[in-house]
């Protein structure tokens, strides 16, 4: 994989434009979300393929817990 480097200016409102060649190479479309990560000395922009709904995140966490069947049944009843 070739690493691309481009220089862009930061606008007055803090906006930057991801160059078209990079957007095309990564398949980033208009209105698509990207993740901005602040790391010491750099800012990383990552393409987001899927964002989970908050409810799905909660169920992922609950799935890792050892809950009794009756508790799961109550959770599902309340969800409906």
C-alpha atoms as a PDB file:
ATOM      1  CA  UNK A   1       0.000   0.000   0.000  1.00  0.00           C
ATOM      2  CA  UNK A   2       1.347   3.374  -1.011  1.00  0.00           C
ATOM      3  CA  UNK A   3       1.222   6.054   1.678  1.00  0.00           C
ATOM      4  CA  UNK A   4      -0.075   9.337   0.316  1.00  0.00           C
ATOM      5  CA  UNK A   5       0.871  12.690   1.766  1.00  0.00           C
ATOM      6  CA  UNK A   6      -0.947  15.882   0.897  1.00  0.00           C
ATOM      7  CA  UNK A   7      -0.777  19.337   2.405  1.00  0.00           C
ATOM      8  CA  UNK A   8      -4.049  21.191   2.951  1.00  0.00           C
ATOM      9  CA  UNK A   9      -4.871  24.446   4.703  1.00  0.00           C
ATOM     10  CA  UNK A  10      -7.092  24.660   7.744  1.00  0.00           C
ATOM     11  CA  UNK A  11      -9.978  27.052   7.095  1.00  0.00           C
ATOM     12  CA  UNK A  12     -11.139  29.790   9.445  1.00  0.00           C
ATOM     13  CA  UNK A  13     -13.694  27.454  11.001  1.00  0.00           C
ATOM     14  CA  UNK A  14     -11.175  24.632  11.493  1.00  0.00           C
ATOM     15  CA  UNK A  15     -12.272  22.710   8.413  1.00  0.00           C
ATOM     16  CA  UNK A  16      -9.957  20.726   6.186  1.00  0.00           C
ATOM     17  CA  UNK A  17     -10.643  19.078   2.848  1.00  0.00           C
ATOM     18  CA  UNK A  18      -9.614  15.478   2.318  1.00  0.00           C
ATOM     19  CA  UNK A  19      -8.118  15.467  -1.189  1.00  0.00           C
ATOM     20  CA  UNK A  20     -10.253  13.725  -3.817  1.00  0.00           C
ATOM     21  CA  UNK A  21      -7.594  11.144  -4.663  1.00  0.00           C
ATOM     22  CA  UNK A  22      -7.480  10.046  -1.015  1.00  0.00           C
ATOM     23  CA  UNK A  23     -11.294  10.026  -0.681  1.00  0.00           C
ATOM     24  CA  UNK A  24     -11.574   7.926  -3.827  1.00  0.00           C
ATOM     25  CA  UNK A  25      -8.830   5.521  -2.725  1.00  0.00           C
ATOM     26  CA  UNK A  26     -10.579   4.950   0.619  1.00  0.00           C
ATOM     27  CA  UNK A  27     -14.122   4.990  -0.755  1.00  0.00           C
ATOM     28  CA  UNK A  28     -15.187   7.960   1.366  1.00  0.00           C
ATOM     29  CA  UNK A  29     -18.443   9.412   0.046  1.00  0.00           C
ATOM     30  CA  UNK A  30     -20.131  12.774   0.721  1.00  0.00           C
ATOM     31  CA  UNK A  31     -21.898  12.917   4.101  1.00  0.00           C
ATOM     32  CA  UNK A  32     -20.118   9.767   5.310  1.00  0.00           C
ATOM     33  CA  UNK A  33     -18.861   9.880   8.878  1.00  0.00           C
ATOM     34  CA  UNK A  34     -15.164   9.735   9.625  1.00  0.00           C
ATOM     35  CA  UNK A  35     -13.550   9.310  13.023  1.00  0.00           C
ATOM     36  CA  UNK A  36     -11.100  11.979  14.212  1.00  0.00           C
ATOM     37  CA  UNK A  37      -8.540  10.729  16.728  1.00  0.00           C
ATOM     38  CA  UNK A  38      -6.243  13.093  18.589  1.00  0.00           C
ATOM     39  CA  UNK A  39      -2.911  11.479  19.387  1.00  0.00           C
ATOM     40  CA  UNK A  40       0.183  13.188  20.785  1.00  0.00           C
ATOM     41  CA  UNK A  41       1.648  15.242  17.964  1.00  0.00           C
ATOM     42  CA  UNK A  42      -0.861  14.151  15.318  1.00  0.00           C
ATOM     43  CA  UNK A  43      -4.499  13.985  14.304  1.00  0.00           C
ATOM     44  CA  UNK A  44      -5.682  10.800  12.605  1.00  0.00           C
ATOM     45  CA  UNK A  45      -8.750  10.607  10.346  1.00  0.00           C
ATOM     46  CA  UNK A  46     -10.234   7.122   9.979  1.00  0.00           C
ATOM     47  CA  UNK A  47     -12.968   5.903   7.696  1.00  0.00           C
ATOM     48  CA  UNK A  48     -15.966   4.554   9.603  1.00  0.00           C
ATOM     49  CA  UNK A  49     -17.629   1.531   8.078  1.00  0.00           C
ATOM     50  CA  UNK A  50     -20.414   1.072  10.633  1.00  0.00           C
ATOM     51  CA  UNK A  51     -21.566   2.824  13.756  1.00  0.00           C
ATOM     52  CA  UNK A  52     -23.494   0.800  16.285  1.00  0.00           C
ATOM     53  CA  UNK A  53     -26.687   2.103  17.771  1.00  0.00           C
ATOM     54  CA  UNK A  54     -26.378   2.882  21.510  1.00  0.00           C
ATOM     55  CA  UNK A  55     -28.788   0.041  22.282  1.00  0.00           C
ATOM     56  CA  UNK A  56     -26.540  -2.434  20.424  1.00  0.00           C
ATOM     57  CA  UNK A  57     -23.513  -1.261  22.409  1.00  0.00           C
ATOM     58  CA  UNK A  58     -25.405  -1.805  25.658  1.00  0.00           C
ATOM     59  CA  UNK A  59     -26.431  -5.315  24.586  1.00  0.00           C
ATOM     60  CA  UNK A  60     -22.818  -6.092  23.663  1.00  0.00           C
ATOM     61  CA  UNK A  61     -21.783  -5.106  27.184  1.00  0.00           C
ATOM     62  CA  UNK A  62     -24.640  -7.054  28.770  1.00  0.00           C
ATOM     63  CA  UNK A  63     -23.736 -10.069  26.630  1.00  0.00           C
ATOM     64  CA  UNK A  64     -20.341 -10.202  28.306  1.00  0.00           C
ATOM     65  CA  UNK A  65     -21.956 -10.299  31.730  1.00  0.00           C
ATOM     66  CA  UNK A  66     -23.231 -13.505  33.275  1.00  0.00           C
ATOM     67  CA  UNK A  67     -26.935 -12.778  33.672  1.00  0.00           C
ATOM     68  CA  UNK A  68     -29.561 -15.267  34.726  1.00  0.00           C
ATOM     69  CA  UNK A  69     -32.168 -16.306  32.154  1.00  0.00           C
ATOM     70  CA  UNK A  70     -34.905 -14.498  34.110  1.00  0.00           C
ATOM     71  CA  UNK A  71     -32.900 -11.244  33.883  1.00  0.00           C
ATOM     72  CA  UNK A  72     -32.503 -11.634  30.104  1.00  0.00           C
ATOM     73  CA  UNK A  73     -36.228 -12.288  29.771  1.00  0.00           C
ATOM     74  CA  UNK A  74     -36.997  -9.119  31.756  1.00  0.00           C
ATOM     75  CA  UNK A  75     -34.580  -7.085  29.610  1.00  0.00           C
ATOM     76  CA  UNK A  76     -36.187  -8.324  26.387  1.00  0.00           C
ATOM     77  CA  UNK A  77     -39.716  -7.672  27.704  1.00  0.00           C
ATOM     78  CA  UNK A  78     -38.813  -4.106  28.632  1.00  0.00           C
ATOM     79  CA  UNK A  79     -37.149  -3.585  25.238  1.00  0.00           C
ATOM     80  CA  UNK A  80     -40.384  -4.473  23.439  1.00  0.00           C
END
